[in-house]
N, C-alpha and C. Protein backbone atom coordinates (compact mmCIF):
# COMPACT_ATOMS: atom_id res chain seq x y z
N LEU A 1 0.83 -1.20 0.00
CA LEU A 1 0.00 0.00 0.00
C LEU A 1 0.86 1.25 0.00
N GLY A 2 0.25 2.37 -0.39
CA GLY A 2 0.99 3.61 -0.41
C GLY A 2 1.69 3.87 -1.73
N ALA A 3 1.46 3.01 -2.73
CA ALA A 3 2.09 3.20 -4.04
C ALA A 3 1.09 2.90 -5.14
N MET A 4 1.32 3.50 -6.27
CA MET A 4 0.48 3.23 -7.44
C MET A 4 1.38 2.72 -8.55
N ARG A 5 0.86 1.87 -9.38
CA ARG A 5 1.62 1.40 -10.53
C ARG A 5 1.08 2.07 -11.78
N LEU A 6 2.00 2.52 -12.61
CA LEU A 6 1.63 3.19 -13.85
C LEU A 6 1.96 2.26 -15.00
N ALA A 7 1.02 2.08 -15.92
CA ALA A 7 1.20 1.13 -17.02
C ALA A 7 1.62 1.85 -18.29
N THR A 8 2.30 1.13 -19.16
CA THR A 8 2.71 1.67 -20.46
C THR A 8 1.71 1.21 -21.51
N LYS A 9 1.96 1.58 -22.77
CA LYS A 9 1.03 1.24 -23.84
C LYS A 9 0.90 -0.28 -24.03
N ASN A 10 1.89 -1.03 -23.61
CA ASN A 10 1.83 -2.49 -23.72
C ASN A 10 1.26 -3.14 -22.47
N ASN A 11 0.69 -2.31 -21.59
CA ASN A 11 0.13 -2.76 -20.32
C ASN A 11 1.14 -3.42 -19.40
N SER A 12 2.42 -3.20 -19.68
CA SER A 12 3.43 -3.73 -18.77
C SER A 12 3.64 -2.70 -17.66
N ILE A 13 3.76 -3.18 -16.46
CA ILE A 13 3.94 -2.28 -15.33
C ILE A 13 5.44 -2.10 -15.13
N ASP A 14 5.89 -0.86 -15.35
CA ASP A 14 7.32 -0.64 -15.23
C ASP A 14 7.68 0.50 -14.30
N LYS A 15 6.70 1.15 -13.70
CA LYS A 15 7.01 2.25 -12.79
C LYS A 15 6.10 2.17 -11.57
N GLU A 16 6.68 2.37 -10.42
CA GLU A 16 5.89 2.43 -9.19
C GLU A 16 6.10 3.82 -8.61
N VAL A 17 5.01 4.48 -8.32
CA VAL A 17 5.05 5.86 -7.85
C VAL A 17 4.26 5.93 -6.55
N SER A 18 4.84 6.54 -5.53
CA SER A 18 4.13 6.65 -4.26
C SER A 18 3.00 7.66 -4.36
N LYS A 19 1.98 7.46 -3.55
CA LYS A 19 0.87 8.41 -3.50
C LYS A 19 1.37 9.78 -3.05
N GLU A 20 2.37 9.79 -2.17
CA GLU A 20 2.93 11.05 -1.71
C GLU A 20 3.54 11.82 -2.87
N TYR A 21 4.24 11.11 -3.77
CA TYR A 21 4.84 11.78 -4.92
C TYR A 21 3.76 12.33 -5.84
N ILE A 22 2.70 11.57 -6.04
CA ILE A 22 1.61 12.05 -6.90
C ILE A 22 0.98 13.30 -6.32
N LEU A 23 0.74 13.33 -5.02
CA LEU A 23 0.21 14.53 -4.38
C LEU A 23 1.18 15.70 -4.51
N TYR A 24 2.46 15.43 -4.30
CA TYR A 24 3.48 16.47 -4.46
C TYR A 24 3.47 16.99 -5.89
N ALA A 25 3.40 16.08 -6.85
CA ALA A 25 3.43 16.47 -8.26
C ALA A 25 2.24 17.35 -8.61
N ILE A 26 1.06 16.96 -8.14
CA ILE A 26 -0.14 17.73 -8.43
C ILE A 26 -0.05 19.11 -7.79
N GLU A 27 0.37 19.17 -6.55
CA GLU A 27 0.44 20.44 -5.84
C GLU A 27 1.52 21.36 -6.37
N ASN A 28 2.56 20.81 -6.98
CA ASN A 28 3.69 21.62 -7.43
C ASN A 28 3.82 21.68 -8.95
N GLY A 29 2.83 21.20 -9.66
CA GLY A 29 2.85 21.29 -11.11
C GLY A 29 3.87 20.40 -11.79
N VAL A 30 4.31 19.34 -11.11
CA VAL A 30 5.26 18.41 -11.72
C VAL A 30 4.52 17.54 -12.71
N ASN A 31 5.08 17.40 -13.88
CA ASN A 31 4.45 16.59 -14.92
C ASN A 31 4.98 15.17 -14.83
N PHE A 32 4.12 14.23 -14.46
CA PHE A 32 4.57 12.84 -14.35
C PHE A 32 3.91 11.94 -15.38
N ILE A 33 3.14 12.51 -16.30
CA ILE A 33 2.49 11.71 -17.34
C ILE A 33 3.41 11.49 -18.53
N ASP A 34 3.97 12.57 -19.09
CA ASP A 34 4.73 12.43 -20.32
C ASP A 34 6.01 11.60 -20.24
N PRO A 35 6.66 11.45 -19.07
CA PRO A 35 7.84 10.57 -19.06
C PRO A 35 7.50 9.09 -19.25
N LEU A 36 6.25 8.70 -19.12
CA LEU A 36 5.88 7.30 -19.28
C LEU A 36 6.11 6.86 -20.73
N ASP A 37 6.57 5.64 -20.88
CA ASP A 37 6.92 5.12 -22.20
C ASP A 37 5.76 5.13 -23.18
N GLY A 38 4.55 4.86 -22.73
CA GLY A 38 3.41 4.74 -23.64
C GLY A 38 2.84 6.05 -24.13
N VAL A 39 3.25 7.17 -23.55
CA VAL A 39 2.70 8.46 -23.94
C VAL A 39 3.47 8.99 -25.14
N ALA A 40 2.73 9.21 -26.24
CA ALA A 40 3.34 9.73 -27.47
C ALA A 40 3.15 11.23 -27.58
N TYR A 41 2.04 11.73 -27.02
CA TYR A 41 1.73 13.15 -27.16
C TYR A 41 0.97 13.63 -25.94
N ALA A 42 1.48 14.68 -25.31
CA ALA A 42 0.83 15.25 -24.14
C ALA A 42 0.87 16.77 -24.27
N GLU A 43 -0.32 17.38 -24.20
CA GLU A 43 -0.39 18.84 -24.33
C GLU A 43 -1.49 19.37 -23.42
N ARG A 44 -1.24 20.55 -22.86
CA ARG A 44 -2.26 21.25 -22.07
C ARG A 44 -2.67 22.48 -22.87
N VAL A 45 -3.99 22.62 -23.07
CA VAL A 45 -4.55 23.73 -23.84
C VAL A 45 -5.62 24.43 -23.02
N SER A 46 -6.09 25.55 -23.53
CA SER A 46 -7.16 26.30 -22.88
C SER A 46 -8.16 26.75 -23.93
N VAL A 47 -9.37 27.03 -23.49
CA VAL A 47 -10.41 27.51 -24.40
C VAL A 47 -10.92 28.87 -23.92
N ASP A 48 -9.98 29.73 -23.56
CA ASP A 48 -10.33 31.04 -23.01
C ASP A 48 -10.41 32.16 -24.04
N CYS A 49 -9.95 31.92 -25.25
CA CYS A 49 -10.02 32.92 -26.32
C CYS A 49 -9.98 32.19 -27.66
N VAL A 50 -10.27 32.90 -28.73
CA VAL A 50 -10.33 32.29 -30.06
C VAL A 50 -9.00 31.63 -30.42
N LYS A 51 -7.91 32.32 -30.17
CA LYS A 51 -6.58 31.77 -30.48
C LYS A 51 -6.36 30.44 -29.78
N ASN A 52 -6.71 30.36 -28.51
CA ASN A 52 -6.50 29.12 -27.75
C ASN A 52 -7.50 28.04 -28.13
N VAL A 53 -8.72 28.41 -28.51
CA VAL A 53 -9.69 27.42 -28.99
C VAL A 53 -9.17 26.76 -30.27
N LEU A 54 -8.62 27.57 -31.17
CA LEU A 54 -8.05 27.02 -32.42
C LEU A 54 -6.86 26.11 -32.12
N ALA A 55 -6.03 26.51 -31.17
CA ALA A 55 -4.89 25.68 -30.77
C ALA A 55 -5.36 24.37 -30.14
N ALA A 56 -6.44 24.44 -29.35
CA ALA A 56 -6.99 23.24 -28.73
C ALA A 56 -7.52 22.28 -29.79
N LYS A 57 -8.23 22.80 -30.77
CA LYS A 57 -8.75 21.96 -31.85
C LYS A 57 -7.60 21.27 -32.60
N LYS A 58 -6.54 22.01 -32.85
CA LYS A 58 -5.37 21.47 -33.54
C LYS A 58 -4.72 20.35 -32.70
N ALA A 59 -4.60 20.59 -31.39
CA ALA A 59 -3.99 19.59 -30.50
C ALA A 59 -4.83 18.32 -30.43
N ILE A 60 -6.15 18.47 -30.35
CA ILE A 60 -7.04 17.31 -30.28
C ILE A 60 -6.97 16.51 -31.57
N LYS A 61 -6.94 17.21 -32.70
CA LYS A 61 -6.82 16.52 -34.00
C LYS A 61 -5.51 15.75 -34.07
N LYS A 62 -4.41 16.39 -33.65
CA LYS A 62 -3.11 15.72 -33.66
C LYS A 62 -3.11 14.51 -32.74
N ALA A 63 -3.74 14.64 -31.59
CA ALA A 63 -3.80 13.52 -30.65
C ALA A 63 -4.50 12.32 -31.27
N PHE A 64 -5.63 12.56 -31.94
CA PHE A 64 -6.33 11.46 -32.61
C PHE A 64 -5.48 10.86 -33.72
N GLU A 65 -4.80 11.68 -34.50
CA GLU A 65 -3.96 11.18 -35.58
C GLU A 65 -2.83 10.29 -35.05
N ILE A 66 -2.21 10.71 -33.97
CA ILE A 66 -1.12 9.92 -33.39
C ILE A 66 -1.64 8.57 -32.90
N GLN A 67 -2.81 8.58 -32.28
CA GLN A 67 -3.37 7.30 -31.82
C GLN A 67 -3.82 6.43 -32.98
N GLN A 68 -4.38 7.03 -34.03
CA GLN A 68 -4.78 6.25 -35.20
C GLN A 68 -3.57 5.60 -35.86
N GLN A 69 -2.44 6.26 -35.79
CA GLN A 69 -1.21 5.70 -36.35
C GLN A 69 -0.55 4.71 -35.39
N LYS A 70 -1.20 4.47 -34.26
CA LYS A 70 -0.73 3.51 -33.25
C LYS A 70 0.68 3.83 -32.75
N LYS A 71 0.96 5.13 -32.59
CA LYS A 71 2.26 5.55 -32.08
C LYS A 71 2.28 5.61 -30.56
N GLY A 72 1.12 5.55 -29.93
CA GLY A 72 1.06 5.59 -28.48
C GLY A 72 -0.13 6.38 -27.99
N LEU A 73 -0.18 6.56 -26.68
CA LEU A 73 -1.27 7.25 -26.03
C LEU A 73 -1.11 8.76 -26.17
N SER A 74 -2.22 9.45 -26.39
CA SER A 74 -2.24 10.91 -26.43
C SER A 74 -3.08 11.43 -25.27
N ILE A 75 -2.59 12.47 -24.63
CA ILE A 75 -3.31 13.09 -23.52
C ILE A 75 -3.42 14.58 -23.79
N ILE A 76 -4.65 15.07 -23.83
CA ILE A 76 -4.89 16.50 -23.98
C ILE A 76 -5.65 16.95 -22.74
N GLU A 77 -5.07 17.89 -22.02
CA GLU A 77 -5.74 18.46 -20.86
C GLU A 77 -6.26 19.84 -21.28
N VAL A 78 -7.55 20.06 -21.09
CA VAL A 78 -8.18 21.32 -21.52
C VAL A 78 -8.59 22.12 -20.29
N LEU A 79 -8.03 23.32 -20.17
CA LEU A 79 -8.42 24.23 -19.10
C LEU A 79 -9.63 25.01 -19.59
N SER A 80 -10.69 24.98 -18.78
CA SER A 80 -11.94 25.62 -19.17
C SER A 80 -12.59 26.22 -17.93
N THR A 81 -13.58 27.05 -18.15
CA THR A 81 -14.28 27.69 -17.04
C THR A 81 -15.62 27.02 -16.77
N CYS A 82 -16.16 27.34 -15.61
CA CYS A 82 -17.51 26.92 -15.23
C CYS A 82 -18.12 28.07 -14.43
N PRO A 83 -18.52 29.14 -15.12
CA PRO A 83 -18.99 30.33 -14.42
C PRO A 83 -20.17 30.05 -13.48
N THR A 84 -21.05 29.13 -13.85
CA THR A 84 -22.22 28.85 -13.02
C THR A 84 -21.81 28.29 -11.67
N ASN A 85 -21.01 27.23 -11.68
CA ASN A 85 -20.59 26.62 -10.42
C ASN A 85 -19.57 27.47 -9.67
N TRP A 86 -18.81 28.27 -10.39
CA TRP A 86 -17.85 29.15 -9.74
C TRP A 86 -18.54 30.38 -9.16
N GLY A 87 -19.78 30.63 -9.57
CA GLY A 87 -20.51 31.80 -9.09
C GLY A 87 -19.95 33.11 -9.63
N LEU A 88 -19.41 33.07 -10.84
CA LEU A 88 -18.81 34.24 -11.47
C LEU A 88 -19.49 34.55 -12.79
N SER A 89 -19.37 35.76 -13.23
CA SER A 89 -19.83 36.10 -14.58
C SER A 89 -18.87 35.43 -15.57
N PRO A 90 -19.28 35.23 -16.82
CA PRO A 90 -18.37 34.62 -17.79
C PRO A 90 -17.05 35.38 -17.92
N GLU A 91 -17.12 36.70 -17.90
CA GLU A 91 -15.90 37.50 -18.01
C GLU A 91 -14.97 37.29 -16.81
N LYS A 92 -15.56 37.29 -15.61
CA LYS A 92 -14.76 37.08 -14.40
C LYS A 92 -14.19 35.66 -14.34
N ALA A 93 -14.96 34.69 -14.84
CA ALA A 93 -14.49 33.31 -14.86
C ALA A 93 -13.27 33.17 -15.78
N LEU A 94 -13.30 33.83 -16.94
CA LEU A 94 -12.15 33.80 -17.84
C LEU A 94 -10.95 34.48 -17.21
N GLU A 95 -11.19 35.58 -16.54
CA GLU A 95 -10.12 36.28 -15.85
C GLU A 95 -9.50 35.39 -14.77
N TRP A 96 -10.35 34.70 -14.00
CA TRP A 96 -9.87 33.81 -12.95
C TRP A 96 -9.07 32.66 -13.55
N LEU A 97 -9.55 32.10 -14.65
CA LEU A 97 -8.84 31.02 -15.34
C LEU A 97 -7.44 31.47 -15.73
N ARG A 98 -7.36 32.63 -16.35
CA ARG A 98 -6.06 33.13 -16.81
C ARG A 98 -5.11 33.44 -15.66
N GLU A 99 -5.62 34.07 -14.62
CA GLU A 99 -4.76 34.49 -13.52
C GLU A 99 -4.39 33.37 -12.56
N ASN A 100 -5.27 32.40 -12.39
CA ASN A 100 -5.04 31.35 -11.40
C ASN A 100 -4.69 30.00 -12.02
N MET A 101 -5.55 29.50 -12.87
CA MET A 101 -5.31 28.17 -13.43
C MET A 101 -4.11 28.15 -14.38
N MET A 102 -4.08 29.11 -15.32
CA MET A 102 -3.00 29.10 -16.30
C MET A 102 -1.65 29.44 -15.66
N ALA A 103 -1.67 30.16 -14.56
CA ALA A 103 -0.43 30.45 -13.85
C ALA A 103 0.11 29.19 -13.17
N HIS A 104 -0.79 28.35 -12.68
CA HIS A 104 -0.39 27.13 -11.98
C HIS A 104 -0.23 25.94 -12.93
N TYR A 105 -1.00 25.93 -14.01
CA TYR A 105 -0.96 24.85 -14.99
C TYR A 105 -0.62 25.44 -16.35
N PRO A 106 0.65 25.66 -16.66
CA PRO A 106 1.04 26.33 -17.90
C PRO A 106 0.66 25.52 -19.15
N LEU A 107 0.26 26.26 -20.17
CA LEU A 107 -0.10 25.65 -21.45
C LEU A 107 1.16 25.20 -22.17
N GLY A 108 1.01 24.23 -23.03
CA GLY A 108 2.14 23.82 -23.85
C GLY A 108 2.16 22.34 -24.15
N VAL A 109 3.07 21.99 -25.05
CA VAL A 109 3.30 20.59 -25.42
C VAL A 109 4.32 20.04 -24.44
N TYR A 110 3.96 18.96 -23.77
CA TYR A 110 4.86 18.35 -22.79
C TYR A 110 5.60 17.16 -23.36
N LYS A 111 5.02 16.54 -24.37
CA LYS A 111 5.72 15.45 -25.06
C LYS A 111 5.13 15.32 -26.45
N ASP A 112 6.00 15.13 -27.43
CA ASP A 112 5.57 14.94 -28.81
C ASP A 112 6.61 14.08 -29.51
N ILE A 113 6.33 12.78 -29.64
CA ILE A 113 7.31 11.89 -30.26
C ILE A 113 7.45 12.18 -31.75
N THR A 114 6.46 12.83 -32.37
CA THR A 114 6.61 13.16 -33.80
C THR A 114 7.70 14.20 -34.00
N LYS A 115 7.92 15.06 -33.02
CA LYS A 115 9.02 16.04 -33.10
C LYS A 115 10.35 15.32 -32.93
N GLU A 116 10.38 14.31 -32.05
CA GLU A 116 11.61 13.54 -31.82
C GLU A 116 11.97 12.72 -33.05
N GLU A 117 10.94 12.25 -33.79
CA GLU A 117 11.19 11.43 -34.98
C GLU A 117 11.82 12.23 -36.09
N THR A 118 11.57 13.53 -36.17
CA THR A 118 12.09 14.35 -37.25
C THR A 118 13.50 14.87 -36.99
N LYS A 119 14.03 14.62 -35.78
CA LYS A 119 15.39 15.07 -35.45
C LYS A 119 16.42 14.21 -36.10
């Protein structure tokens, strides 16, 4: 007990990570998904403006293409608002997302094996 096993694309268990490390990683923004062997593409996007919505659509399309080509698992994390449950106006919710969530969870590509293949 006190540990989790992370599986690769072949369902082989090759990494054991403590629950304490996972909590530390979440609280400190440590990325522990993309180092796994089975992850081919990992990106965090946002849907807070037109530019980022277009980038999110592009990332999701790429993720599906990579999986269709059987290159590995793709993970897209989408930062979005929920003004109703947050009790904020849509404008304030977007502001909160940008100032709080995006500051703690930076956008970007965390792993892309297609970039590694072209090197």
